[in-house]
Every structure is written in C-alpha cells, then in structure tokens.
Amino acid sequence: MATKTAPIKPSKPYSGFPLTAHPCGQWAKKIKGKIYYFGVWADPDAAVRRFLEERDDLFAGRRPRSRDSESIDLHHLCNLFLNHNQARVERNELTELTWNKYFKTAKTILATLGRGRTLDSIGPADFSELHAAFSAETSNPHTLGSEVTRTRTIFNYAMKEGLTEKNIRFGIYFSRPKSRVYKAHRRSQNPKLLSAQEIWKLLDAAKYPFRAFVLLGINCGFGNTDCGKLPVSAIDVDRKWISFPRPKTEIERDCPLWPETIEAIQAGIDASPAPASEEVANLAFRTKYGKSWAASSSLSSEYRKLAERVGVYRPNVTFYALRHTFATIGGDVKDQIVVDRIMGHSDNSMAGAYRETISEQRFWDVANHVRDWLMKDRDI
C-alpha cells in the first residue's frame, strides 16, 4: 500500500509525448472529460503503445475492447487513491491527519474484502461485511459514520476517475448511523464541557506554546487544526484581533483577543523552533521538530498528557472541549450571530446573505463575557 512519501513525478520522456504523469504513478490522458490510464511511469513506451491502440475508440466515445474485461483490484485502487491524496497533502489541500485516517480505512477495506478482489466484483453484500468490520472496531457512532464516509469517498473516486464503468452499489445497509443513535450516544457520554477551575489547572501547568493553545481554545473557540495552522499574519497585536478563515472549511472568522491570550501567543511564537521546511515558516507555532502542530495527532496527545497530569482528564473530553465550552458560555450573551462568526460557523440564512458587517463591540461583548466567566475572582 502507498506510504506517506509521494513519488516524484517524472518529466515527459521527449517533446510531443502525448501523456501526462498522473500522481497515482501512471501515464494518463483526459479524453472527453474523463481520465484514462495507460501504464506505469517506469515504462512510458508501453503506455504510448496502449494509448495509440485505444485512442480512436476513446475519442469516439467507445470503450476499447482491450478494456472490456479490465477491472483493477482493490489494492491498486487504494494505492491510486492514497497517492492522489498524498499529492493534495503536499499542496496543503489536505491535512496529514486526514490522510492517515484514509490509510487506516483502506487497510480495513483490504483486510476485510481482500487485496486481490477486483473492483467490479464488489457489491452490496461486500459493503455489508465491511460495515460489520467497522462496527466491530468501534462502538462510537461518529467513528463508524466517518469510516462509512471515507469508504464511500474511496469508491466514488474510482467512478469519477474512470477506473470502473459500473455504478458501485453500496446497498441499503452501508450508511451512517441514524440521528437517534448519535443522540443516544451523546447522552451516554461525559459532557464536552470544562469548568473554569479545570481550565485554570491546565493553564497553570501548561508550557508554551500549549498555554497559548488553551487560551485560544477558550478565547476564540479554536480547535486542534486552527491552532496548528494559525499563521503569524492573521494576528493583529495592535488591534487585539485574529482574522483567520477556518482551515477545515475556509469560512471567515474574527476574534478579539484577551491581553492574556496575546501574551501567550507572543511567548508561544518565541518558544517555537526554527521551521523544518518552508511550508511551515509562516506558522505561529511549531512542534519541537519544527513541524506543524496540525500535521499529526501531536496536539491531541499532548492535551491528554497535560489533562491527566493535572487531574482533569475524562474519557471523550478532548482539547476540542474548550471549543464546546466557548460556545456554551459565549451563547449566554444571546448573540449567536457573533458566536458563530468567532467559531467560523457558516450562516446560510437569508439574513446572513444581506448582513454586510457586524460591529466590533458585539464581538467584545461575547469575548469579555467568556473572560469574566473564566476570571471570576482570580488574577492571571
């Protein structure tokens, strides 16, 4: 299966070579809006021969006879998909964490259905078996739902890339859990909420830049990726403000910064080591290896270690609980429009389409209310 290092695409072997090196490791050409693959990079001559044999049929909209019995196996499909998405990681279009999740899903697909199974032989019964395999791995409906979504993404990739002429049938059972299952699961879990006292325990023990992460979580509703991908250019110290679209959705967000948050951000920037690559040079915070905190599960694991050390760890209450806490306490101001803007939630309402600006004072009203809740009788 593919590794995390994407292969370097070769140049065309000579001027006028009719094919393009596709990130999946094959020579390819888009014909009538569809990508066709003709052979591996290592043998461009064979790829050209196949292209010349098939091009008349393909440009005429016919399926060449040579492809009638052709169906790639699942191992090949997963490699193509992972290589395609590794290239997206390197273009900063996808996080490494998401790629790792795709890799894990692909491993389960191959272990359950077989590496050599042909794509065209997969049907509803196979997806039912796969659903059972995912269910055996987790009792969390959110995790199960994500596995179903990622699997569908892999097989839909095959259809969109022309790797199969069949419409892949997932069947009626290969779907995300019902909403009532999510609700029941949520009721059974610890509330994703931290008290002011628990947050103080985290702040008192946290070193930089983690102290900045905790304050960004409760001041701005930042999640893991938000902290990991925050660029220095988004921070306006003089204005005491962050303007930074959410990396997950590119939805605009604005957040006033408390004095304590600004101080922690500056200390966190000073504590960050030199960048390991040019791609992370613009980031406010870097790991001890000079990499992005968003590149892996580093922030999550560091939070758990900190929470366990100070005695506030509870199962399923992760760093993201700070975002939940901000939303809960900030909502008491009864200005959901501003809370949503700070958190980077979309507003698809008609009112949102007409609203051009929001006064800064409304942002400060929310930010100061959350700060007052956190501060109470304590000085930072």
Protein backbone atom coordinates (compact mmCIF):
# COMPACT_ATOMS: atom_id res chain seq x y z
CA MET A 1 0.00 0.00 0.00
CA ALA A 2 1.08 3.59 -0.50
CA THR A 3 3.35 5.22 2.03
CA LYS A 4 3.32 8.81 3.25
CA THR A 5 6.05 9.84 0.79
CA ALA A 6 4.59 10.64 -2.62
CA PRO A 7 6.75 9.63 -5.60
CA ILE A 8 8.34 12.40 -7.65
CA LYS A 9 6.54 12.73 -10.96
CA PRO A 10 8.82 12.19 -13.98
CA SER A 11 9.12 14.63 -16.84
CA LYS A 12 7.82 13.65 -20.25
CA PRO A 13 10.47 11.44 -21.89
CA TYR A 14 10.53 13.53 -25.08
CA SER A 15 8.90 16.55 -26.66
CA GLY A 16 5.46 15.73 -28.02
CA PHE A 17 4.92 12.80 -25.64
CA PRO A 18 1.10 12.56 -25.60
CA LEU A 19 0.58 11.50 -21.99
CA THR A 20 0.90 13.18 -18.60
CA ALA A 21 2.40 11.77 -15.40
CA HIS A 22 -0.53 11.34 -13.02
CA PRO A 23 0.19 11.47 -9.24
CA CYS A 24 -1.11 7.89 -8.92
CA GLY A 25 2.04 6.59 -10.68
CA GLN A 26 0.61 6.07 -14.17
CA TRP A 27 0.79 7.85 -17.51
CA ALA A 28 -2.65 9.28 -18.22
CA LYS A 29 -4.68 11.48 -20.53
CA LYS A 30 -8.01 13.23 -20.14
CA ILE A 31 -10.29 12.39 -23.07
CA LYS A 32 -13.81 13.79 -23.37
CA GLY A 33 -13.70 14.90 -19.74
CA LYS A 34 -12.55 11.54 -18.35
CA ILE A 35 -9.07 10.46 -17.22
CA TYR A 36 -7.71 7.23 -18.71
CA TYR A 37 -4.57 5.42 -17.54
CA PHE A 38 -2.22 3.68 -19.97
CA GLY A 39 0.67 2.30 -17.92
CA VAL A 40 3.20 2.89 -15.19
CA TRP A 41 5.78 5.68 -15.21
CA ALA A 42 8.60 3.13 -15.47
CA ASP A 43 7.52 2.05 -18.97
CA PRO A 44 6.45 5.10 -20.99
CA ASP A 45 6.90 3.26 -24.30
CA ALA A 46 4.33 0.62 -23.35
CA ALA A 47 1.98 3.36 -22.17
CA VAL A 48 2.23 5.15 -25.53
CA ARG A 49 1.63 1.91 -27.44
CA ARG A 50 -1.54 1.29 -25.47
CA PHE A 51 -2.66 4.89 -25.99
CA LEU A 52 -2.16 4.63 -29.75
CA GLU A 53 -4.10 1.35 -29.83
CA GLU A 54 -7.06 2.77 -27.92
CA ARG A 55 -7.19 6.46 -28.81
CA ASP A 56 -9.56 6.19 -31.80
CA ASP A 57 -12.17 4.37 -29.73
CA LEU A 58 -11.73 6.68 -26.75
CA PHE A 59 -12.00 9.90 -28.76
CA ALA A 60 -15.08 8.43 -30.47
CA GLY A 61 -16.67 7.79 -27.08
CA ARG A 62 -16.38 4.00 -27.37
CA ARG A 63 -14.90 1.63 -24.79
CA PRO A 64 -11.92 -0.18 -26.35
CA ARG A 65 -12.25 -3.96 -26.48
CA SER A 66 -8.97 -4.23 -24.60
CA ARG A 67 -10.71 -2.71 -21.59
CA ASP A 68 -13.84 -4.89 -21.71
CA SER A 69 -12.56 -7.42 -19.19
CA GLU A 70 -10.38 -4.97 -17.31
CA SER A 71 -11.03 -4.31 -13.66
CA ILE A 72 -8.41 -3.12 -11.21
CA ASP A 73 -8.07 -4.83 -7.85
CA LEU A 74 -8.76 -3.15 -4.52
CA HIS A 75 -5.08 -2.93 -3.62
CA HIS A 76 -4.43 -0.95 -6.80
CA LEU A 77 -7.45 1.27 -6.15
CA CYS A 78 -6.32 2.10 -2.61
CA ASN A 79 -2.81 2.91 -3.82
CA LEU A 80 -4.15 5.21 -6.52
CA PHE A 81 -6.42 6.96 -4.04
CA LEU A 82 -3.74 7.38 -1.37
CA ASN A 83 -1.13 8.64 -3.84
CA HIS A 84 -3.65 11.12 -5.22
CA ASN A 85 -4.34 12.43 -1.72
CA GLN A 86 -0.67 12.46 -0.70
CA ALA A 87 -0.16 14.96 -3.51
CA ARG A 88 -3.00 17.01 -2.00
CA VAL A 89 -1.25 16.94 1.38
CA GLU A 90 1.90 18.32 -0.23
CA ARG A 91 -0.15 21.11 -1.84
CA ASN A 92 -1.65 21.91 1.60
CA GLU A 93 -5.11 20.94 0.35
CA LEU A 94 -5.45 18.09 2.85
CA THR A 95 -4.02 17.52 6.33
CA GLU A 96 -1.69 14.64 7.07
CA LEU A 97 -4.08 13.63 9.85
CA THR A 98 -6.88 13.16 7.29
CA TRP A 99 -4.52 11.18 5.05
CA ASN A 100 -3.69 8.90 7.98
CA LYS A 101 -7.41 8.26 8.50
CA TYR A 102 -7.82 7.38 4.81
CA PHE A 103 -4.86 5.00 5.16
CA LYS A 104 -6.45 3.26 8.15
CA THR A 105 -9.78 2.91 6.32
CA ALA A 106 -8.02 1.48 3.26
CA LYS A 107 -6.25 -1.11 5.46
CA THR A 108 -9.61 -2.28 6.84
CA ILE A 109 -11.09 -2.47 3.33
CA LEU A 110 -8.22 -4.67 2.10
CA ALA A 111 -8.16 -6.84 5.22
CA THR A 112 -11.91 -7.45 5.02
CA LEU A 113 -12.56 -7.77 1.29
CA GLY A 114 -9.16 -8.96 0.07
CA ARG A 115 -6.31 -7.18 -1.68
CA GLY A 116 -6.84 -9.08 -4.92
CA ARG A 117 -10.60 -8.60 -5.21
CA THR A 118 -11.49 -6.82 -8.42
CA LEU A 119 -13.34 -3.55 -8.16
CA ASP A 120 -16.11 -4.67 -10.49
CA SER A 121 -16.85 -7.70 -8.30
CA ILE A 122 -17.73 -5.62 -5.23
CA GLY A 123 -21.44 -5.34 -4.38
CA PRO A 124 -23.90 -4.66 -1.54
CA ALA A 125 -23.09 -7.90 0.31
CA ASP A 126 -19.43 -6.91 0.48
CA PHE A 127 -20.27 -3.49 1.85
CA SER A 128 -22.48 -5.11 4.49
CA GLU A 129 -19.49 -7.23 5.52
CA LEU A 130 -17.33 -4.12 5.60
CA HIS A 131 -19.90 -2.28 7.74
CA ALA A 132 -19.77 -5.17 10.23
CA ALA A 133 -15.96 -4.95 10.31
CA PHE A 134 -16.07 -1.23 11.07
CA SER A 135 -18.74 -1.80 13.73
CA ALA A 136 -16.52 -4.40 15.41
CA GLU A 137 -13.71 -1.85 15.68
CA THR A 138 -15.71 0.85 17.47
CA SER A 139 -18.86 1.48 19.47
CA ASN A 140 -18.72 5.20 18.69
CA PRO A 141 -21.31 6.09 16.01
CA HIS A 142 -19.30 9.16 14.98
CA THR A 143 -16.26 6.99 14.25
CA LEU A 144 -18.41 4.46 12.39
CA GLY A 145 -20.06 7.22 10.37
CA SER A 146 -16.66 8.64 9.43
CA GLU A 147 -15.45 5.21 8.27
CA VAL A 148 -18.53 4.85 6.06
CA THR A 149 -17.96 8.31 4.59
CA ARG A 150 -14.28 7.65 3.88
CA THR A 151 -15.08 4.30 2.26
CA ARG A 152 -17.65 5.91 0.01
CA THR A 153 -15.08 8.57 -0.89
CA ILE A 154 -12.57 5.91 -1.97
CA PHE A 155 -15.05 4.05 -4.17
CA ASN A 156 -16.57 7.24 -5.57
CA TYR A 157 -13.03 8.25 -6.55
CA ALA A 158 -12.87 5.08 -8.65
CA MET A 159 -16.04 6.04 -10.52
CA LYS A 160 -15.02 9.67 -11.04
CA GLU A 161 -11.57 8.68 -12.31
CA GLY A 162 -13.00 6.17 -14.78
CA LEU A 163 -11.45 3.17 -13.03
CA THR A 164 -14.72 1.31 -13.47
CA GLU A 165 -17.63 1.57 -15.87
CA LYS A 166 -20.02 0.24 -13.23
CA ASN A 167 -22.07 2.27 -10.83
CA ILE A 168 -20.88 0.97 -7.49
CA ARG A 169 -23.85 -0.19 -5.42
CA PHE A 170 -23.32 0.26 -1.71
CA GLY A 171 -26.66 -1.27 -0.73
CA ILE A 172 -29.18 -0.08 1.83
CA TYR A 173 -27.16 -1.10 4.92
CA PHE A 174 -23.90 0.70 4.19
CA SER A 175 -24.84 4.08 5.63
CA ARG A 176 -24.06 6.34 8.54
CA PRO A 177 -25.92 5.68 11.80
CA LYS A 178 -29.36 7.26 12.26
CA SER A 179 -29.56 10.60 14.06
CA ARG A 180 -31.25 8.95 17.07
CA VAL A 181 -28.15 6.76 17.51
CA TYR A 182 -25.95 9.85 17.65
CA LYS A 183 -28.27 11.45 20.20
CA ALA A 184 -28.35 8.37 22.41
CA HIS A 185 -24.57 8.12 22.28
CA ARG A 186 -24.16 11.76 23.21
CA ARG A 187 -26.43 11.32 26.25
CA SER A 188 -24.27 8.42 27.41
CA GLN A 189 -21.02 10.40 27.23
CA ASN A 190 -19.36 12.89 29.54
CA PRO A 191 -20.41 16.46 28.66
CA LYS A 192 -17.74 18.08 26.47
CA LEU A 193 -17.51 20.99 28.86
CA LEU A 194 -14.72 22.23 31.11
CA SER A 195 -15.22 24.28 34.26
CA ALA A 196 -13.26 27.49 34.86
CA GLN A 197 -11.36 25.68 37.61
CA GLU A 198 -10.37 22.87 35.24
CA ILE A 199 -9.18 25.35 32.62
CA TRP A 200 -7.06 27.08 35.27
CA LYS A 201 -5.44 23.79 36.18
CA LEU A 202 -4.49 23.36 32.53
CA LEU A 203 -3.20 26.93 32.25
CA ASP A 204 -1.16 26.75 35.44
CA ALA A 205 0.63 23.61 34.29
CA ALA A 206 0.91 24.28 30.54
CA LYS A 207 4.20 25.29 28.97
CA TYR A 208 4.45 27.37 25.81
CA PRO A 209 3.07 27.09 23.22
CA PHE A 210 0.42 24.91 24.88
CA ARG A 211 -0.68 27.69 27.21
CA ALA A 212 -1.45 29.70 24.06
CA PHE A 213 -3.43 26.76 22.65
CA VAL A 214 -5.60 26.54 25.77
CA LEU A 215 -6.28 30.29 25.74
CA LEU A 216 -7.07 30.26 22.01
CA GLY A 217 -9.48 27.40 22.68
CA ILE A 218 -11.46 29.25 25.35
CA ASN A 219 -10.97 32.80 23.98
CA CYS A 220 -11.65 32.05 20.31
CA GLY A 221 -13.15 28.58 20.18
CA PHE A 222 -10.08 27.27 18.35
CA GLY A 223 -9.78 23.56 17.65
CA ASN A 224 -6.66 21.49 17.05
CA THR A 225 -6.23 22.34 13.37
CA ASP A 226 -6.99 26.03 13.99
CA CYS A 227 -4.09 26.23 16.46
CA GLY A 228 -1.80 24.17 14.27
CA LYS A 229 -2.37 26.20 11.11
CA LEU A 230 -2.57 29.72 12.59
CA PRO A 231 -0.28 31.98 10.54
CA VAL A 232 1.54 34.90 12.14
CA SER A 233 -0.03 37.19 9.52
CA ALA A 234 -3.54 36.52 10.93
CA ILE A 235 -2.62 38.01 14.33
CA ASP A 236 -3.05 41.77 14.73
CA VAL A 237 -1.48 42.56 18.10
CA ASP A 238 -2.20 46.30 17.92
CA ARG A 239 -5.87 45.72 17.18
CA LYS A 240 -6.00 42.74 19.59
CA TRP A 241 -7.67 40.66 16.91
CA ILE A 242 -7.38 37.49 14.84
CA SER A 243 -8.88 37.28 11.35
CA PHE A 244 -8.38 33.73 10.15
CA PRO A 245 -10.64 31.53 7.99
CA ARG A 246 -11.12 28.07 9.49
CA PRO A 247 -8.69 25.70 7.74
CA LYS A 248 -11.36 22.99 7.80
CA THR A 249 -13.96 24.99 5.84
CA GLU A 250 -12.38 28.31 4.74
CA ILE A 251 -15.30 30.12 6.42
CA GLU A 252 -14.31 33.56 7.69
CA ARG A 253 -13.82 34.03 11.40
CA ASP A 254 -12.91 37.02 13.57
CA CYS A 255 -11.97 37.00 17.22
CA PRO A 256 -11.00 39.69 19.75
CA LEU A 257 -8.00 38.68 21.84
CA TRP A 258 -7.73 38.99 25.59
CA PRO A 259 -4.47 40.54 26.90
CA GLU A 260 -3.56 37.16 28.40
CA THR A 261 -4.06 35.45 25.04
CA ILE A 262 -1.86 37.98 23.24
CA GLU A 263 0.88 37.50 25.83
CA ALA A 264 0.67 33.71 25.49
CA ILE A 265 0.70 33.87 21.69
CA GLN A 266 3.81 36.03 21.67
CA ALA A 267 5.54 33.72 24.15
CA GLY A 268 4.48 30.70 22.10
CA ILE A 269 5.88 32.24 18.92
CA ASP A 270 9.16 32.97 20.70
CA ALA A 271 9.29 29.39 22.02
CA SER A 272 8.73 27.80 18.60
CA PRO A 273 11.86 26.31 16.99
CA ALA A 274 13.07 27.11 13.50
CA PRO A 275 10.84 25.72 10.73
CA ALA A 276 11.75 22.33 9.34
CA SER A 277 10.58 23.41 5.88
CA GLU A 278 9.47 26.49 4.00
CA GLU A 279 5.86 25.31 4.14
CA VAL A 280 5.65 25.91 7.90
CA ALA A 281 7.76 29.08 8.07
CA ASN A 282 4.64 31.28 8.26
CA LEU A 283 3.06 29.42 11.18
CA ALA A 284 2.82 30.97 14.62
CA PHE A 285 3.54 27.68 16.39
CA ARG A 286 5.71 24.68 15.53
CA THR A 287 6.49 21.42 17.29
CA LYS A 288 9.92 20.74 18.78
CA TYR A 289 10.79 19.19 15.43
CA GLY A 290 9.94 22.42 13.59
CA LYS A 291 6.79 20.95 12.03
CA SER A 292 3.14 21.98 12.06
CA TRP A 293 1.06 21.00 15.07
CA ALA A 294 -1.70 20.23 12.55
CA ALA A 295 0.38 17.61 10.75
CA SER A 296 -0.44 14.79 13.16
CA SER A 297 -2.21 13.98 16.40
CA SER A 298 0.52 15.73 18.43
CA LEU A 299 -1.77 18.35 19.92
CA SER A 300 -4.39 15.79 20.96
CA SER A 301 -1.85 13.55 22.65
CA GLU A 302 -0.14 16.46 24.40
CA TYR A 303 -3.50 17.67 25.69
CA ARG A 304 -4.32 14.26 27.10
CA LYS A 305 -0.97 14.04 28.88
CA LEU A 306 -1.49 17.52 30.35
CA ALA A 307 -5.10 16.79 31.39
CA GLU A 308 -4.09 13.52 33.06
CA ARG A 309 -1.21 15.22 34.86
CA VAL A 310 -3.43 17.91 36.41
CA GLY A 311 -6.35 15.57 37.11
CA VAL A 312 -8.98 16.92 34.69
CA TYR A 313 -8.95 14.12 32.11
CA ARG A 314 -12.26 12.43 31.37
CA PRO A 315 -12.88 9.94 28.54
CA ASN A 316 -14.05 11.64 25.32
CA VAL A 317 -13.38 15.12 26.76
CA THR A 318 -10.56 16.24 24.48
CA PHE A 319 -8.88 19.54 23.62
CA TYR A 320 -11.97 20.23 21.49
CA ALA A 321 -13.95 20.58 24.74
CA LEU A 322 -12.53 24.10 25.01
CA ARG A 323 -14.37 24.93 21.78
CA HIS A 324 -17.57 23.46 23.21
CA THR A 325 -17.06 25.47 26.40
CA PHE A 326 -16.56 28.72 24.50
CA ALA A 327 -19.75 28.08 22.50
CA THR A 328 -21.71 27.30 25.67
CA ILE A 329 -20.54 30.24 27.79
CA GLY A 330 -20.45 32.68 24.86
CA GLY A 331 -24.02 31.74 24.00
CA ASP A 332 -25.21 33.27 27.28
CA VAL A 333 -24.72 36.71 25.72
CA LYS A 334 -27.60 35.82 23.37
CA ASP A 335 -25.76 36.97 20.25
CA GLN A 336 -25.46 33.72 18.30
CA ILE A 337 -24.52 35.59 15.14
CA VAL A 338 -21.28 36.74 16.75
CA VAL A 339 -20.58 33.41 18.45
CA ASP A 340 -20.92 31.69 15.08
CA ARG A 341 -18.62 34.23 13.40
CA ILE A 342 -15.94 33.77 16.08
CA MET A 343 -16.18 29.99 15.74
CA GLY A 344 -16.22 30.03 11.94
CA HIS A 345 -19.68 28.54 11.53
CA SER A 346 -21.48 29.17 8.27
CA ASP A 347 -24.58 31.33 8.11
CA ASN A 348 -26.62 30.22 5.10
CA SER A 349 -29.71 32.18 6.10
CA MET A 350 -31.19 34.99 4.03
CA ALA A 351 -30.25 37.39 6.83
CA GLY A 352 -26.65 36.20 6.55
CA ALA A 353 -26.68 36.93 2.83
CA TYR A 354 -27.81 40.51 3.47
CA ARG A 355 -25.61 41.23 6.51
CA GLU A 356 -22.52 43.13 5.41
CA THR A 357 -20.81 43.96 8.73
CA ILE A 358 -21.00 43.24 12.45
CA SER A 359 -19.89 45.89 14.93
CA GLU A 360 -16.70 45.13 16.83
CA GLN A 361 -18.41 45.94 20.12
CA ARG A 362 -20.64 42.90 19.72
CA PHE A 363 -17.53 40.71 19.38
CA TRP A 364 -16.03 42.25 22.50
CA ASP A 365 -19.28 41.72 24.42
CA VAL A 366 -19.01 37.98 23.80
CA ALA A 367 -15.25 37.79 24.39
CA ASN A 368 -15.43 39.78 27.62
CA HIS A 369 -18.32 37.70 28.94
CA VAL A 370 -16.32 34.49 28.48
CA ARG A 371 -13.27 36.12 30.07
CA ASP A 372 -15.32 37.29 33.07
CA TRP A 373 -16.61 33.73 33.50
CA LEU A 374 -13.04 32.39 33.41
CA MET A 375 -11.52 35.08 35.61
CA LYS A 376 -14.09 35.34 38.36
CA ASP A 377 -12.07 36.23 41.48
CA ARG A 378 -8.73 35.15 40.10
CA ASP A 379 -5.95 37.23 38.53
CA ILE A 380 -3.94 35.76 35.68
